[in-house]
C-alpha atoms as a PDB file:
ATOM      1  CA  PRO A   1     -75.802 -40.058  14.161  1.00  0.00           C
ATOM      2  CA  ASP A   2     -78.411 -41.992  12.260  1.00  0.00           C
ATOM      3  CA  SER A   3     -80.616 -42.548  15.303  1.00  0.00           C
ATOM      4  CA  THR A   4     -80.909 -38.802  15.918  1.00  0.00           C
ATOM      5  CA  LEU A   5     -81.949 -38.110  12.339  1.00  0.00           C
ATOM      6  CA  LYS A   6     -84.548 -40.900  12.421  1.00  0.00           C
ATOM      7  CA  SER A   7     -85.963 -39.630  15.714  1.00  0.00           C
ATOM      8  CA  ILE A   8     -86.710 -36.195  14.205  1.00  0.00           C
ATOM      9  CA  GLY A   9     -88.375 -37.748  11.153  1.00  0.00           C
ATOM     10  CA  ILE A  10     -85.595 -37.725   8.548  1.00  0.00           C
ATOM     11  CA  ASN A  11     -85.648 -41.185   7.051  1.00  0.00           C
ATOM     12  CA  TYR A  12     -83.828 -40.580   3.784  1.00  0.00           C
ATOM     13  CA  TYR A  13     -80.748 -38.505   3.096  1.00  0.00           C
ATOM     14  CA  PRO A  14     -78.034 -38.632   0.443  1.00  0.00           C
ATOM     15  CA  SER A  15     -74.953 -40.721   0.935  1.00  0.00           C
ATOM     16  CA  LYS A  16     -72.201 -39.401   3.157  1.00  0.00           C
ATOM     17  CA  TYR A  17     -69.951 -39.049   0.103  1.00  0.00           C
ATOM     18  CA  TRP A  18     -72.172 -36.304  -1.327  1.00  0.00           C
ATOM     19  CA  ALA A  19     -72.350 -34.566   2.046  1.00  0.00           C
ATOM     20  CA  LEU A  20     -68.612 -33.939   1.680  1.00  0.00           C
ATOM     21  CA  ALA A  21     -68.338 -33.783  -2.100  1.00  0.00           C
ATOM     22  CA  VAL A  22     -70.894 -31.033  -2.816  1.00  0.00           C
ATOM     23  CA  PRO A  23     -69.416 -28.436  -0.399  1.00  0.00           C
ATOM     24  CA  SER A  24     -65.920 -29.320  -1.603  1.00  0.00           C
ATOM     25  CA  TYR A  25     -66.947 -28.846  -5.234  1.00  0.00           C
ATOM     26  CA  ILE A  26     -68.568 -25.504  -4.407  1.00  0.00           C
ATOM     27  CA  ILE A  27     -65.452 -24.249  -2.590  1.00  0.00           C
ATOM     28  CA  MET A  28     -63.198 -25.323  -5.464  1.00  0.00           C
ATOM     29  CA  LEU A  29     -65.548 -23.677  -7.973  1.00  0.00           C
ATOM     30  CA  VAL A  30     -65.392 -20.369  -6.068  1.00  0.00           C
ATOM     31  CA  ILE A  31     -61.586 -20.504  -5.918  1.00  0.00           C
ATOM     32  CA  PHE A  32     -61.377 -21.432  -9.609  1.00  0.00           C
ATOM     33  CA  VAL A  33     -63.683 -18.570 -10.626  1.00  0.00           C
ATOM     34  CA  GLN A  34     -61.606 -16.074  -8.627  1.00  0.00           C
ATOM     35  CA  ILE A  35     -58.375 -17.259 -10.243  1.00  0.00           C
ATOM     36  CA  ILE A  36     -59.882 -17.119 -13.745  1.00  0.00           C
ATOM     37  CA  TYR A  37     -61.348 -13.645 -13.076  1.00  0.00           C
ATOM     38  CA  GLN A  38     -57.973 -12.281 -11.967  1.00  0.00           C
ATOM     39  CA  GLY A  39     -56.224 -13.943 -14.903  1.00  0.00           C
ATOM     40  CA  VAL A  40     -58.611 -12.453 -17.465  1.00  0.00           C
ATOM     41  CA  ASN A  41     -58.188  -9.006 -15.907  1.00  0.00           C
ATOM     42  CA  MET A  42     -54.399  -9.326 -16.077  1.00  0.00           C
ATOM     43  CA  ILE A  43     -54.587 -10.343 -19.744  1.00  0.00           C
ATOM     44  CA  CYS A  44     -56.859  -7.388 -20.593  1.00  0.00           C
ATOM     45  CA  ALA A  45     -54.755  -4.828 -18.707  1.00  0.00           C
ATOM     46  CA  GLU A  46     -52.117  -2.689 -20.388  1.00  0.00           C
ATOM     47  CA  PRO A  47     -48.431  -3.514 -19.779  1.00  0.00           C
ATOM     48  CA  HIS A  48     -46.756  -1.694 -16.910  1.00  0.00           C
ATOM     49  CA  ASP A  49     -44.476   0.305 -19.198  1.00  0.00           C
ATOM     50  CA  SER A  50     -47.317   1.524 -21.438  1.00  0.00           C
ATOM     51  CA  PHE A  51     -48.274   5.205 -21.443  1.00  0.00           C
ATOM     52  CA  ASN A  52     -51.912   4.105 -21.708  1.00  0.00           C
ATOM     53  CA  THR A  53     -51.809   3.418 -17.977  1.00  0.00           C
ATOM     54  CA  LEU A  54     -51.091   7.128 -17.373  1.00  0.00           C
ATOM     55  CA  GLU A  55     -53.435   8.813 -19.842  1.00  0.00           C
ATOM     56  CA  ASP A  56     -56.393   7.952 -22.032  1.00  0.00           C
ATOM     57  CA  SER A  57     -58.873   9.696 -24.335  1.00  0.00           C
ATOM     58  CA  CYS A  58     -60.439  11.598 -21.394  1.00  0.00           C
ATOM     59  CA  THR A  59     -57.173  13.022 -20.051  1.00  0.00           C
ATOM     60  CA  ARG A  60     -56.899  16.815 -19.913  1.00  0.00           C
ATOM     61  CA  ARG A  61     -53.441  18.242 -20.382  1.00  0.00           C
ATOM     62  CA  ILE A  62     -52.387  21.246 -18.315  1.00  0.00           C
ATOM     63  CA  VAL A  63     -51.353  24.093 -20.563  1.00  0.00           C
ATOM     64  CA  ASN A  64     -48.741  26.280 -18.895  1.00  0.00           C
ATOM     65  CA  GLU A  65     -49.010  29.669 -20.572  1.00  0.00           C
ATOM     66  CA  ASN A  66     -46.690  31.446 -18.136  1.00  0.00           C
ATOM     67  CA  LYS A  67     -43.245  29.951 -18.698  1.00  0.00           C
ATOM     68  CA  GLU A  68     -41.676  32.069 -15.926  1.00  0.00           C
ATOM     69  CA  PHE A  69     -43.897  30.588 -13.221  1.00  0.00           C
ATOM     70  CA  GLN A  70     -42.055  27.695 -11.587  1.00  0.00           C
ATOM     71  CA  GLY A  71     -44.340  26.988  -8.615  1.00  0.00           C
ATOM     72  CA  ILE A  72     -46.996  24.414  -8.093  1.00  0.00           C
ATOM     73  CA  PRO A  73     -49.686  24.681 -10.800  1.00  0.00           C
ATOM     74  CA  ASP A  74     -53.335  25.353  -9.917  1.00  0.00           C
ATOM     75  CA  ILE A  75     -55.587  22.416  -9.260  1.00  0.00           C
ATOM     76  CA  SER A  76     -57.370  21.282 -12.402  1.00  0.00           C
ATOM     77  CA  ASP A  77     -59.687  18.437 -13.191  1.00  0.00           C
END
């Protein structure tokens, strides 16, 4: 409503095209950034069948000194 805007003192405003285009561009930019972010993370990740997904340089191996013990091992970190 142009008359309402003029009555509250707004005499100039951008065209109606930009009122729809700018929010649409922003929404598409957010969606595009999310898709690119997920794609880059998938490229940088190890394959599913790689042992690097199970252990890395900080992994501690549990050494079982008692071979006769067959129960649940103690909690270790």
